[in-house]
């Protein structure tokens, strides 16, 4: 049975799918996956294939310029029970999306 969260139905702005943590709040990545120039679902496939190479609790950074990756990777994290740490735009175009391995 589904239950509403407390406060549901109030006219609050919808939560953003991505966040912009301050530069000093960004965590160092144990692994960086360069998926620039690749279309979804390739960045997610690359992440799923390589996330087990880092220890549990470590951060994997995915560099992607496909706009779908900004929403699809956090959704994949929720589906697979990993943590979306945050996403920021990168100067060369695209995003840096950080994921913490939970298992």
N, C-alpha and C. Protein backbone atom coordinates (compact mmCIF):
# COMPACT_ATOMS: atom_id res chain seq x y z
N UNK A 1 0.84 -1.17 0.00
CA UNK A 1 0.00 0.00 0.00
C UNK A 1 0.89 1.25 0.00
N UNK A 2 0.54 2.21 -0.78
CA UNK A 2 1.31 3.45 -0.88
C UNK A 2 0.81 4.46 0.14
N UNK A 3 1.73 5.15 0.76
CA UNK A 3 1.38 6.21 1.69
C UNK A 3 2.05 7.49 1.25
N UNK A 4 1.37 8.56 1.48
CA UNK A 4 1.96 9.86 1.16
C UNK A 4 2.97 10.24 2.22
N UNK A 5 4.02 10.88 1.77
CA UNK A 5 4.98 11.42 2.73
C UNK A 5 4.35 12.61 3.42
N UNK A 6 4.75 12.86 4.65
CA UNK A 6 4.21 14.02 5.34
C UNK A 6 4.59 15.27 4.56
N UNK A 7 3.67 16.15 4.40
CA UNK A 7 3.92 17.37 3.64
C UNK A 7 3.56 17.22 2.17
N UNK A 8 3.16 16.03 1.75
CA UNK A 8 2.79 15.83 0.36
C UNK A 8 1.55 16.64 0.05
N UNK A 9 1.49 17.16 -1.13
CA UNK A 9 0.34 17.94 -1.54
C UNK A 9 0.52 19.41 -1.32
N UNK A 10 1.58 19.80 -0.61
CA UNK A 10 1.83 21.23 -0.42
C UNK A 10 2.43 21.79 -1.69
N UNK A 11 2.26 23.05 -1.90
CA UNK A 11 2.74 23.67 -3.14
C UNK A 11 4.20 24.10 -2.98
N UNK A 12 5.08 23.10 -2.85
CA UNK A 12 6.51 23.37 -2.79
C UNK A 12 7.10 23.09 -4.16
N UNK A 13 8.20 23.77 -4.51
CA UNK A 13 8.81 23.49 -5.80
C UNK A 13 9.29 22.04 -5.85
N UNK A 14 9.17 21.45 -7.03
CA UNK A 14 9.58 20.07 -7.22
C UNK A 14 11.09 19.95 -7.04
N UNK A 15 11.52 18.88 -6.37
CA UNK A 15 12.94 18.67 -6.12
C UNK A 15 13.68 18.44 -7.45
N UNK A 16 14.84 19.05 -7.60
CA UNK A 16 15.62 18.89 -8.81
C UNK A 16 16.25 17.51 -8.86
N UNK A 17 16.46 16.99 -10.06
CA UNK A 17 17.09 15.71 -10.26
C UNK A 17 18.59 15.79 -10.07
N UNK A 18 19.15 16.97 -10.15
CA UNK A 18 20.60 17.11 -10.02
C UNK A 18 20.90 18.24 -9.08
N UNK A 19 22.05 18.20 -8.51
CA UNK A 19 22.44 19.22 -7.55
C UNK A 19 23.79 19.79 -7.95
N UNK A 20 24.11 20.93 -7.40
CA UNK A 20 25.39 21.56 -7.66
C UNK A 20 26.12 21.76 -6.35
N UNK A 21 26.82 20.71 -5.89
CA UNK A 21 27.56 20.89 -4.65
C UNK A 21 28.71 21.87 -4.86
N UNK A 22 29.09 22.53 -3.79
CA UNK A 22 30.23 23.44 -3.89
C UNK A 22 31.46 22.64 -4.27
N UNK A 23 32.41 23.31 -4.93
CA UNK A 23 33.62 22.64 -5.39
C UNK A 23 34.33 21.92 -4.24
N UNK A 24 34.39 22.54 -3.07
CA UNK A 24 35.08 21.91 -1.95
C UNK A 24 34.28 20.75 -1.37
N UNK A 25 32.98 20.66 -1.68
CA UNK A 25 32.14 19.57 -1.17
C UNK A 25 32.21 18.35 -2.07
N UNK A 26 32.74 18.49 -3.27
CA UNK A 26 32.85 17.37 -4.19
C UNK A 26 33.82 16.34 -3.63
N UNK A 27 33.47 15.11 -3.77
CA UNK A 27 34.31 14.05 -3.24
C UNK A 27 35.28 13.56 -4.31
N UNK A 28 36.48 13.18 -3.91
CA UNK A 28 37.42 12.63 -4.89
C UNK A 28 36.89 11.29 -5.40
N UNK A 29 36.99 11.09 -6.68
CA UNK A 29 36.48 9.87 -7.29
C UNK A 29 37.55 8.79 -7.30
N UNK A 30 37.15 7.58 -6.93
CA UNK A 30 38.04 6.44 -7.00
C UNK A 30 38.19 5.98 -8.45
N UNK A 31 37.19 6.30 -9.28
CA UNK A 31 37.20 5.91 -10.68
C UNK A 31 36.44 6.96 -11.47
N UNK A 32 36.99 7.36 -12.61
CA UNK A 32 36.30 8.28 -13.52
C UNK A 32 36.02 7.55 -14.82
N UNK A 33 34.76 7.58 -15.22
CA UNK A 33 34.32 6.96 -16.47
C UNK A 33 34.07 8.07 -17.47
N UNK A 34 34.80 8.07 -18.56
CA UNK A 34 34.64 9.09 -19.60
C UNK A 34 33.66 8.59 -20.65
N UNK A 35 32.42 9.05 -20.55
CA UNK A 35 31.38 8.68 -21.50
C UNK A 35 31.01 9.87 -22.39
N UNK A 36 31.90 10.86 -22.48
CA UNK A 36 31.64 12.03 -23.33
C UNK A 36 31.53 11.58 -24.78
N UNK A 37 30.52 12.10 -25.46
CA UNK A 37 30.30 11.74 -26.86
C UNK A 37 29.49 10.48 -27.06
N UNK A 38 29.10 9.84 -26.00
CA UNK A 38 28.32 8.60 -26.11
C UNK A 38 26.88 8.86 -25.68
N UNK A 39 25.96 8.29 -26.39
CA UNK A 39 24.53 8.47 -26.12
C UNK A 39 24.03 7.43 -25.14
N UNK A 40 23.01 7.80 -24.38
CA UNK A 40 22.38 6.86 -23.46
C UNK A 40 21.78 5.72 -24.28
N UNK A 41 21.89 4.53 -23.80
CA UNK A 41 22.20 4.09 -22.44
C UNK A 41 23.67 3.74 -22.21
N UNK A 42 24.57 4.08 -23.13
CA UNK A 42 25.97 3.68 -23.00
C UNK A 42 26.61 4.17 -21.69
N UNK A 43 26.41 5.45 -21.25
CA UNK A 43 27.02 5.84 -19.97
C UNK A 43 26.55 4.97 -18.79
N UNK A 44 25.30 4.57 -18.79
CA UNK A 44 24.78 3.72 -17.72
C UNK A 44 25.37 2.32 -17.82
N UNK A 45 25.49 1.81 -19.03
CA UNK A 45 26.08 0.49 -19.22
C UNK A 45 27.53 0.49 -18.76
N UNK A 46 28.27 1.56 -19.09
CA UNK A 46 29.66 1.67 -18.65
C UNK A 46 29.74 1.73 -17.12
N UNK A 47 28.84 2.50 -16.50
CA UNK A 47 28.81 2.60 -15.04
C UNK A 47 28.50 1.24 -14.41
N UNK A 48 27.48 0.57 -14.90
CA UNK A 48 27.08 -0.73 -14.36
C UNK A 48 28.20 -1.76 -14.50
N UNK A 49 28.93 -1.67 -15.60
CA UNK A 49 30.02 -2.61 -15.87
C UNK A 49 31.23 -2.37 -14.96
N UNK A 50 31.46 -1.11 -14.56
CA UNK A 50 32.70 -0.78 -13.85
C UNK A 50 32.53 -0.44 -12.38
N UNK A 51 31.32 -0.29 -11.87
CA UNK A 51 31.14 0.14 -10.49
C UNK A 51 31.70 -0.86 -9.49
N UNK A 52 31.75 -2.13 -9.84
CA UNK A 52 32.26 -3.14 -8.93
C UNK A 52 33.79 -3.13 -8.83
N UNK A 53 34.45 -2.29 -9.61
CA UNK A 53 35.91 -2.18 -9.55
C UNK A 53 36.37 -1.30 -8.40
N UNK A 54 35.46 -0.57 -7.77
CA UNK A 54 35.84 0.31 -6.66
C UNK A 54 35.32 -0.31 -5.36
N UNK A 55 35.96 0.02 -4.23
CA UNK A 55 35.47 -0.52 -2.95
C UNK A 55 34.11 0.06 -2.57
N UNK A 56 33.41 -0.66 -1.72
CA UNK A 56 32.12 -0.15 -1.24
C UNK A 56 32.32 1.17 -0.52
N UNK A 57 31.43 2.11 -0.77
CA UNK A 57 31.53 3.43 -0.19
C UNK A 57 32.34 4.41 -1.02
N UNK A 58 33.02 3.92 -2.04
CA UNK A 58 33.82 4.78 -2.91
C UNK A 58 32.93 5.47 -3.93
N UNK A 59 33.45 6.57 -4.50
CA UNK A 59 32.69 7.36 -5.47
C UNK A 59 33.21 7.10 -6.88
N UNK A 60 32.27 6.90 -7.79
CA UNK A 60 32.56 6.78 -9.22
C UNK A 60 32.03 8.05 -9.88
N UNK A 61 32.85 8.65 -10.72
CA UNK A 61 32.45 9.86 -11.45
C UNK A 61 32.22 9.48 -12.91
N UNK A 62 31.07 9.86 -13.44
CA UNK A 62 30.76 9.62 -14.85
C UNK A 62 30.73 10.97 -15.55
N UNK A 63 31.54 11.11 -16.58
CA UNK A 63 31.53 12.31 -17.41
C UNK A 63 30.67 12.00 -18.62
N UNK A 64 29.61 12.77 -18.83
CA UNK A 64 28.68 12.51 -19.92
C UNK A 64 28.15 13.83 -20.46
N UNK A 65 27.93 13.85 -21.78
CA UNK A 65 27.36 15.06 -22.38
C UNK A 65 25.99 14.81 -23.01
N UNK A 66 25.47 13.61 -22.88
CA UNK A 66 24.12 13.32 -23.34
C UNK A 66 23.14 13.81 -22.27
N UNK A 67 22.23 14.72 -22.61
CA UNK A 67 21.31 15.27 -21.60
C UNK A 67 20.51 14.21 -20.85
N UNK A 68 20.26 13.07 -21.46
CA UNK A 68 19.50 12.02 -20.79
C UNK A 68 20.27 11.43 -19.61
N UNK A 69 21.58 11.47 -19.64
CA UNK A 69 22.39 10.88 -18.56
C UNK A 69 22.16 11.59 -17.23
N UNK A 70 21.87 12.89 -17.27
CA UNK A 70 21.68 13.67 -16.04
C UNK A 70 20.47 13.17 -15.25
N UNK A 71 19.46 12.67 -15.91
CA UNK A 71 18.30 12.13 -15.21
C UNK A 71 18.35 10.60 -15.12
N UNK A 72 18.94 9.95 -16.12
CA UNK A 72 18.94 8.49 -16.14
C UNK A 72 19.89 7.88 -15.12
N UNK A 73 21.05 8.48 -14.89
CA UNK A 73 21.99 7.91 -13.92
C UNK A 73 21.45 8.00 -12.50
N UNK A 74 20.90 9.16 -12.06
CA UNK A 74 20.28 9.15 -10.72
C UNK A 74 19.12 8.15 -10.60
N UNK A 75 18.35 7.97 -11.67
CA UNK A 75 17.26 6.98 -11.65
C UNK A 75 17.84 5.57 -11.53
N UNK A 76 18.92 5.30 -12.23
CA UNK A 76 19.60 4.00 -12.13
C UNK A 76 20.09 3.77 -10.70
N UNK A 77 20.62 4.83 -10.08
CA UNK A 77 21.09 4.73 -8.69
C UNK A 77 19.95 4.32 -7.76
N UNK A 78 18.79 4.95 -7.91
CA UNK A 78 17.64 4.58 -7.08
C UNK A 78 17.23 3.13 -7.34
N UNK A 79 17.22 2.73 -8.59
CA UNK A 79 16.83 1.37 -8.97
C UNK A 79 17.79 0.33 -8.41
N UNK A 80 19.08 0.64 -8.41
CA UNK A 80 20.11 -0.31 -7.99
C UNK A 80 20.59 -0.09 -6.56
N UNK A 81 20.00 0.83 -5.84
CA UNK A 81 20.32 1.13 -4.44
C UNK A 81 21.74 1.66 -4.24
N UNK A 82 22.25 2.39 -5.20
CA UNK A 82 23.49 3.13 -5.03
C UNK A 82 23.09 4.58 -4.75
N UNK A 83 24.03 5.42 -4.33
CA UNK A 83 23.70 6.79 -3.97
C UNK A 83 24.18 7.77 -5.04
N UNK A 84 23.29 8.63 -5.49
CA UNK A 84 23.67 9.72 -6.39
C UNK A 84 24.21 10.83 -5.51
N UNK A 85 25.52 11.09 -5.59
CA UNK A 85 26.16 12.09 -4.75
C UNK A 85 25.84 13.49 -5.24
N UNK A 86 25.87 13.68 -6.56
CA UNK A 86 25.58 14.98 -7.13
C UNK A 86 26.01 15.05 -8.58
N UNK A 87 25.54 16.08 -9.26
CA UNK A 87 25.88 16.31 -10.66
C UNK A 87 26.20 17.78 -10.85
N UNK A 88 27.25 18.06 -11.58
CA UNK A 88 27.61 19.44 -11.89
C UNK A 88 27.98 19.55 -13.36
N UNK A 89 27.74 20.72 -13.92
CA UNK A 89 28.16 20.96 -15.30
C UNK A 89 29.67 21.11 -15.33
N UNK A 90 30.28 20.62 -16.41
CA UNK A 90 31.72 20.73 -16.56
C UNK A 90 32.03 21.73 -17.66
N UNK A 91 33.18 22.41 -17.58
CA UNK A 91 33.49 23.49 -18.52
C UNK A 91 33.51 23.07 -19.99
N UNK A 92 33.96 21.86 -20.30
CA UNK A 92 34.04 21.44 -21.69
C UNK A 92 32.69 21.01 -22.27
N UNK A 93 31.64 21.13 -21.47
CA UNK A 93 30.30 20.74 -21.91
C UNK A 93 29.95 19.37 -21.37
N UNK A 94 28.77 19.25 -20.85
CA UNK A 94 28.34 17.99 -20.26
C UNK A 94 28.30 18.10 -18.75
N UNK A 95 28.31 16.95 -18.10
CA UNK A 95 28.15 16.89 -16.66
C UNK A 95 29.11 15.89 -16.03
N UNK A 96 29.43 16.15 -14.80
CA UNK A 96 30.14 15.20 -13.96
C UNK A 96 29.11 14.69 -12.97
N UNK A 97 28.82 13.40 -13.04
CA UNK A 97 27.79 12.79 -12.20
C UNK A 97 28.49 11.83 -11.25
N UNK A 98 28.35 12.06 -9.95
CA UNK A 98 29.01 11.21 -8.96
C UNK A 98 28.05 10.23 -8.32
N UNK A 99 28.51 8.98 -8.21
CA UNK A 99 27.72 7.88 -7.67
C UNK A 99 28.55 7.18 -6.59
N UNK A 100 27.93 6.93 -5.44
CA UNK A 100 28.61 6.18 -4.38
C UNK A 100 28.14 4.73 -4.42
N UNK A 101 29.11 3.82 -4.46
CA UNK A 101 28.79 2.40 -4.46
C UNK A 101 28.32 1.98 -3.07
N UNK A 102 27.13 1.41 -2.97
CA UNK A 102 26.57 1.01 -1.68
C UNK A 102 26.67 -0.47 -1.39
N UNK A 103 26.95 -1.30 -2.39
CA UNK A 103 27.08 -2.74 -2.14
C UNK A 103 28.03 -3.35 -3.14
